[in-house]
Amino acid sequence: MNAFLTHLSRRHPQEFLVLVLDGAPSHRAHGLRLPPHMAMVRLPPYSPELNPAERLWDEIREKGFSNRVFDSLGEAIAQAVRGLKRLEDAPAVLRSLSGWDWIISST
């Protein structure tokens, strides 16, 4: 998680980022180093319907992982990266999956 936070920090140095997190163990680790231009909002337990990332992972699984067998963990990770890159390159798709009213109206 710290590597992810560092990556985000470097990728968006001039923006204030708000991360919406569920209760995953890596999201609750004691050694997290949150950059000063980020904040975390933790969702209530057992509330996947509030987490926009759940829809993103559903999209990635549906388009890149259904009916597939990978020869290695590395190949599966590479496929996940391709799925994330596809979403990054398609802001309209990303917005349609994660731009819920409660998110849009808070900006």
N, C-alpha and C. Protein backbone atom coordinates (compact mmCIF):
# COMPACT_ATOMS: atom_id res chain seq x y z
N MET A 1 0.83 -1.19 0.00
CA MET A 1 0.00 0.00 0.00
C MET A 1 0.87 1.25 0.00
N ASN A 2 1.98 1.20 0.73
CA ASN A 2 2.87 2.37 0.73
C ASN A 2 3.44 2.62 -0.67
N ALA A 3 3.75 1.55 -1.40
CA ALA A 3 4.25 1.72 -2.77
C ALA A 3 3.19 2.37 -3.65
N PHE A 4 1.93 1.98 -3.46
CA PHE A 4 0.83 2.58 -4.21
C PHE A 4 0.68 4.06 -3.85
N LEU A 5 0.73 4.39 -2.58
CA LEU A 5 0.61 5.79 -2.15
C LEU A 5 1.75 6.62 -2.72
N THR A 6 2.95 6.07 -2.73
CA THR A 6 4.10 6.77 -3.29
C THR A 6 3.89 7.00 -4.79
N HIS A 7 3.42 5.98 -5.49
CA HIS A 7 3.16 6.10 -6.92
C HIS A 7 2.13 7.20 -7.19
N LEU A 8 1.03 7.18 -6.46
CA LEU A 8 0.00 8.22 -6.63
C LEU A 8 0.56 9.61 -6.34
N SER A 9 1.33 9.72 -5.30
CA SER A 9 1.91 11.00 -4.92
C SER A 9 2.79 11.56 -6.03
N ARG A 10 3.59 10.70 -6.63
CA ARG A 10 4.48 11.13 -7.71
C ARG A 10 3.70 11.42 -9.00
N ARG A 11 2.64 10.68 -9.21
CA ARG A 11 1.84 10.84 -10.43
C ARG A 11 0.99 12.10 -10.39
N HIS A 12 0.58 12.51 -9.20
CA HIS A 12 -0.30 13.67 -9.04
C HIS A 12 0.24 14.62 -7.97
N PRO A 13 1.42 15.18 -8.17
CA PRO A 13 2.05 15.97 -7.11
C PRO A 13 1.34 17.29 -6.80
N GLN A 14 0.61 17.84 -7.75
CA GLN A 14 -0.02 19.14 -7.56
C GLN A 14 -1.50 19.06 -7.17
N GLU A 15 -2.01 17.85 -6.98
CA GLU A 15 -3.42 17.67 -6.69
C GLU A 15 -3.60 17.14 -5.27
N PHE A 16 -4.70 17.55 -4.64
CA PHE A 16 -5.06 16.97 -3.36
C PHE A 16 -5.93 15.75 -3.64
N LEU A 17 -5.52 14.59 -3.16
CA LEU A 17 -6.20 13.33 -3.45
C LEU A 17 -6.95 12.83 -2.23
N VAL A 18 -8.18 12.40 -2.44
CA VAL A 18 -8.97 11.77 -1.39
C VAL A 18 -9.17 10.32 -1.80
N LEU A 19 -8.68 9.42 -0.99
CA LEU A 19 -8.79 7.99 -1.26
C LEU A 19 -9.95 7.41 -0.46
N VAL A 20 -10.84 6.71 -1.14
CA VAL A 20 -11.95 6.03 -0.49
C VAL A 20 -11.52 4.58 -0.29
N LEU A 21 -11.43 4.16 0.95
CA LEU A 21 -10.88 2.84 1.27
C LEU A 21 -11.89 1.97 1.99
N ASP A 22 -11.82 0.69 1.69
CA ASP A 22 -12.63 -0.27 2.43
C ASP A 22 -11.81 -0.81 3.60
N GLY A 23 -12.21 -1.90 4.16
CA GLY A 23 -11.54 -2.42 5.35
C GLY A 23 -10.44 -3.43 5.07
N ALA A 24 -9.91 -3.45 3.85
CA ALA A 24 -8.84 -4.41 3.53
C ALA A 24 -7.67 -4.23 4.50
N PRO A 25 -7.02 -5.32 4.88
CA PRO A 25 -5.91 -5.22 5.83
C PRO A 25 -4.82 -4.24 5.40
N SER A 26 -4.52 -4.18 4.11
CA SER A 26 -3.47 -3.25 3.66
C SER A 26 -3.91 -1.80 3.81
N HIS A 27 -5.21 -1.56 3.84
CA HIS A 27 -5.72 -0.19 4.02
C HIS A 27 -5.69 0.24 5.48
N ARG A 28 -5.48 -0.73 6.38
CA ARG A 28 -5.49 -0.43 7.81
C ARG A 28 -4.13 -0.63 8.46
N ALA A 29 -3.11 -0.90 7.65
CA ALA A 29 -1.78 -1.20 8.19
C ALA A 29 -1.26 -0.05 9.04
N HIS A 30 -0.59 -0.38 10.13
CA HIS A 30 -0.09 0.64 11.06
C HIS A 30 1.03 1.47 10.46
N GLY A 31 1.79 0.91 9.52
CA GLY A 31 2.94 1.62 8.98
C GLY A 31 2.66 2.43 7.73
N LEU A 32 1.40 2.74 7.46
CA LEU A 32 1.09 3.52 6.26
C LEU A 32 1.69 4.92 6.36
N ARG A 33 2.29 5.35 5.25
CA ARG A 33 2.87 6.70 5.18
C ARG A 33 2.05 7.50 4.17
N LEU A 34 1.12 8.28 4.67
CA LEU A 34 0.22 9.06 3.83
C LEU A 34 0.88 10.40 3.47
N PRO A 35 1.09 10.65 2.18
CA PRO A 35 1.68 11.94 1.77
C PRO A 35 0.79 13.10 2.23
N PRO A 36 1.38 14.27 2.42
CA PRO A 36 0.62 15.41 2.96
C PRO A 36 -0.51 15.90 2.05
N HIS A 37 -0.47 15.59 0.77
CA HIS A 37 -1.53 16.06 -0.13
C HIS A 37 -2.56 14.96 -0.42
N MET A 38 -2.73 14.07 0.57
CA MET A 38 -3.73 13.01 0.46
C MET A 38 -4.51 12.88 1.76
N ALA A 39 -5.74 12.42 1.62
CA ALA A 39 -6.57 12.10 2.78
C ALA A 39 -7.25 10.77 2.51
N MET A 40 -7.56 10.06 3.57
CA MET A 40 -8.25 8.78 3.45
C MET A 40 -9.64 8.90 4.07
N VAL A 41 -10.62 8.35 3.36
CA VAL A 41 -11.98 8.24 3.88
C VAL A 41 -12.27 6.74 3.95
N ARG A 42 -12.52 6.27 5.14
CA ARG A 42 -12.76 4.84 5.32
C ARG A 42 -14.27 4.56 5.28
N LEU A 43 -14.62 3.58 4.47
CA LEU A 43 -16.03 3.18 4.36
C LEU A 43 -16.42 2.34 5.56
N PRO A 44 -17.70 2.32 5.89
CA PRO A 44 -18.15 1.45 6.97
C PRO A 44 -17.91 -0.01 6.59
N PRO A 45 -17.75 -0.87 7.58
CA PRO A 45 -17.56 -2.30 7.28
C PRO A 45 -18.76 -2.86 6.50
N TYR A 46 -18.46 -3.85 5.67
CA TYR A 46 -19.49 -4.60 4.94
C TYR A 46 -20.39 -3.69 4.10
N SER A 47 -19.76 -2.77 3.35
CA SER A 47 -20.54 -1.85 2.52
C SER A 47 -19.93 -1.72 1.12
N PRO A 48 -19.77 -2.83 0.40
CA PRO A 48 -19.17 -2.76 -0.93
C PRO A 48 -19.96 -1.88 -1.89
N GLU A 49 -21.26 -1.71 -1.63
CA GLU A 49 -22.08 -0.88 -2.52
C GLU A 49 -21.68 0.60 -2.47
N LEU A 50 -20.92 1.00 -1.44
CA LEU A 50 -20.45 2.38 -1.34
C LEU A 50 -19.08 2.58 -1.97
N ASN A 51 -18.43 1.50 -2.34
CA ASN A 51 -17.05 1.57 -2.82
C ASN A 51 -17.02 1.56 -4.35
N PRO A 52 -16.70 2.70 -4.98
CA PRO A 52 -16.68 2.74 -6.44
C PRO A 52 -15.64 1.81 -7.05
N ALA A 53 -14.60 1.48 -6.31
CA ALA A 53 -13.57 0.59 -6.84
C ALA A 53 -14.12 -0.80 -7.11
N GLU A 54 -15.16 -1.21 -6.40
CA GLU A 54 -15.74 -2.53 -6.63
C GLU A 54 -16.24 -2.66 -8.06
N ARG A 55 -16.83 -1.60 -8.59
CA ARG A 55 -17.31 -1.63 -9.98
C ARG A 55 -16.15 -1.65 -10.96
N LEU A 56 -15.05 -0.99 -10.61
CA LEU A 56 -13.88 -1.01 -11.49
C LEU A 56 -13.30 -2.41 -11.56
N TRP A 57 -13.16 -3.06 -10.39
CA TRP A 57 -12.63 -4.43 -10.38
C TRP A 57 -13.57 -5.38 -11.12
N ASP A 58 -14.88 -5.18 -10.98
CA ASP A 58 -15.83 -6.01 -11.73
C ASP A 58 -15.59 -5.86 -13.23
N GLU A 59 -15.39 -4.64 -13.69
CA GLU A 59 -15.13 -4.37 -15.10
C GLU A 59 -13.84 -5.04 -15.56
N ILE A 60 -12.79 -4.92 -14.78
CA ILE A 60 -11.50 -5.53 -15.13
C ILE A 60 -11.62 -7.05 -15.15
N ARG A 61 -12.29 -7.61 -14.16
CA ARG A 61 -12.46 -9.08 -14.13
C ARG A 61 -13.27 -9.55 -15.33
N GLU A 62 -14.36 -8.84 -15.64
CA GLU A 62 -15.23 -9.26 -16.74
C GLU A 62 -14.51 -9.19 -18.08
N LYS A 63 -13.77 -8.10 -18.32
CA LYS A 63 -13.14 -7.89 -19.63
C LYS A 63 -11.80 -8.62 -19.77
N GLY A 64 -11.10 -8.86 -18.68
CA GLY A 64 -9.75 -9.40 -18.81
C GLY A 64 -9.47 -10.72 -18.15
N PHE A 65 -10.40 -11.19 -17.32
CA PHE A 65 -10.10 -12.40 -16.56
C PHE A 65 -11.11 -13.52 -16.75
N SER A 66 -12.25 -13.24 -17.37
CA SER A 66 -13.26 -14.28 -17.49
C SER A 66 -12.80 -15.36 -18.46
N ASN A 67 -13.02 -16.59 -18.08
CA ASN A 67 -12.67 -17.77 -18.89
C ASN A 67 -11.21 -17.78 -19.32
N ARG A 68 -10.33 -17.37 -18.42
CA ARG A 68 -8.90 -17.34 -18.71
C ARG A 68 -8.15 -18.13 -17.66
N VAL A 69 -7.10 -18.77 -18.09
CA VAL A 69 -6.17 -19.44 -17.19
C VAL A 69 -4.80 -18.85 -17.49
N PHE A 70 -4.10 -18.42 -16.46
CA PHE A 70 -2.79 -17.82 -16.63
C PHE A 70 -1.72 -18.82 -16.21
N ASP A 71 -0.60 -18.79 -16.91
CA ASP A 71 0.50 -19.71 -16.61
C ASP A 71 1.29 -19.31 -15.38
N SER A 72 1.14 -18.05 -14.96
CA SER A 72 1.90 -17.59 -13.80
C SER A 72 1.19 -16.42 -13.14
N LEU A 73 1.57 -16.15 -11.91
CA LEU A 73 1.05 -14.99 -11.20
C LEU A 73 1.46 -13.72 -11.94
N GLY A 74 2.67 -13.71 -12.48
CA GLY A 74 3.14 -12.54 -13.23
C GLY A 74 2.25 -12.20 -14.41
N GLU A 75 1.78 -13.24 -15.13
CA GLU A 75 0.87 -13.00 -16.25
C GLU A 75 -0.47 -12.43 -15.77
N ALA A 76 -0.96 -12.91 -14.65
CA ALA A 76 -2.22 -12.39 -14.10
C ALA A 76 -2.05 -10.93 -13.68
N ILE A 77 -0.93 -10.61 -13.06
CA ILE A 77 -0.67 -9.23 -12.65
C ILE A 77 -0.56 -8.33 -13.89
N ALA A 78 0.13 -8.80 -14.93
CA ALA A 78 0.25 -8.02 -16.16
C ALA A 78 -1.12 -7.77 -16.78
N GLN A 79 -2.01 -8.75 -16.70
CA GLN A 79 -3.36 -8.57 -17.23
C GLN A 79 -4.12 -7.53 -16.41
N ALA A 80 -3.96 -7.55 -15.10
CA ALA A 80 -4.60 -6.54 -14.26
C ALA A 80 -4.08 -5.14 -14.59
N VAL A 81 -2.78 -5.02 -14.82
CA VAL A 81 -2.20 -3.72 -15.18
C VAL A 81 -2.78 -3.25 -16.51
N ARG A 82 -2.92 -4.14 -17.48
CA ARG A 82 -3.52 -3.76 -18.77
C ARG A 82 -4.95 -3.28 -18.57
N GLY A 83 -5.70 -3.95 -17.71
CA GLY A 83 -7.07 -3.53 -17.44
C GLY A 83 -7.13 -2.15 -16.79
N LEU A 84 -6.25 -1.91 -15.84
CA LEU A 84 -6.20 -0.59 -15.20
C LEU A 84 -5.80 0.49 -16.20
N LYS A 85 -4.84 0.19 -17.06
CA LYS A 85 -4.40 1.15 -18.07
C LYS A 85 -5.53 1.45 -19.05
N ARG A 86 -6.29 0.41 -19.41
CA ARG A 86 -7.43 0.62 -20.31
C ARG A 86 -8.43 1.60 -19.70
N LEU A 87 -8.70 1.44 -18.41
CA LEU A 87 -9.61 2.37 -17.73
C LEU A 87 -9.01 3.76 -17.62
N GLU A 88 -7.72 3.84 -17.35
CA GLU A 88 -7.06 5.14 -17.25
C GLU A 88 -7.15 5.89 -18.59
N ASP A 89 -7.06 5.17 -19.68
CA ASP A 89 -7.10 5.77 -21.01
C ASP A 89 -8.52 6.05 -21.50
N ALA A 90 -9.53 5.68 -20.74
CA ALA A 90 -10.92 5.88 -21.12
C ALA A 90 -11.66 6.59 -20.00
N PRO A 91 -11.42 7.90 -19.81
CA PRO A 91 -12.03 8.61 -18.69
C PRO A 91 -13.55 8.56 -18.68
N ALA A 92 -14.19 8.52 -19.84
CA ALA A 92 -15.65 8.46 -19.87
C ALA A 92 -16.16 7.14 -19.29
N VAL A 93 -15.47 6.05 -19.61
CA VAL A 93 -15.85 4.75 -19.05
C VAL A 93 -15.61 4.75 -17.55
N LEU A 94 -14.46 5.25 -17.15
CA LEU A 94 -14.12 5.32 -15.73
C LEU A 94 -15.17 6.14 -14.98
N ARG A 95 -15.55 7.28 -15.53
CA ARG A 95 -16.56 8.14 -14.90
C ARG A 95 -17.91 7.43 -14.82
N SER A 96 -18.28 6.68 -15.88
CA SER A 96 -19.58 6.01 -15.87
C SER A 96 -19.62 4.90 -14.82
N LEU A 97 -18.48 4.29 -14.54
CA LEU A 97 -18.42 3.22 -13.55
C LEU A 97 -18.33 3.73 -12.11
N SER A 98 -17.66 4.85 -11.92
CA SER A 98 -17.39 5.29 -10.55
C SER A 98 -17.96 6.65 -10.21
N GLY A 99 -18.55 7.34 -11.15
CA GLY A 99 -19.06 8.69 -10.89
C GLY A 99 -20.46 8.68 -10.33
N TRP A 100 -20.60 8.12 -9.17
CA TRP A 100 -21.92 8.06 -8.53
C TRP A 100 -22.33 9.44 -8.04
N ASP A 101 -23.63 9.64 -7.89
CA ASP A 101 -24.15 10.96 -7.48
C ASP A 101 -23.49 11.46 -6.20
N TRP A 102 -23.31 10.58 -5.20
CA TRP A 102 -22.76 11.04 -3.93
C TRP A 102 -21.29 11.45 -4.07
N ILE A 103 -20.61 10.96 -5.10
CA ILE A 103 -19.24 11.37 -5.35
C ILE A 103 -19.20 12.67 -6.13
N ILE A 104 -19.98 12.73 -7.21
CA ILE A 104 -20.01 13.90 -8.07
C ILE A 104 -20.49 15.13 -7.31
N SER A 105 -21.52 14.98 -6.51
CA SER A 105 -22.09 16.13 -5.80
C SER A 105 -21.18 16.64 -4.68
N SER A 106 -20.17 15.88 -4.30
CA SER A 106 -19.29 16.33 -3.22
C SER A 106 -18.13 17.17 -3.75
N THR A 107 -17.99 17.28 -5.06
CA THR A 107 -16.86 18.05 -5.63
C THR A 107 -17.19 19.50 -5.79
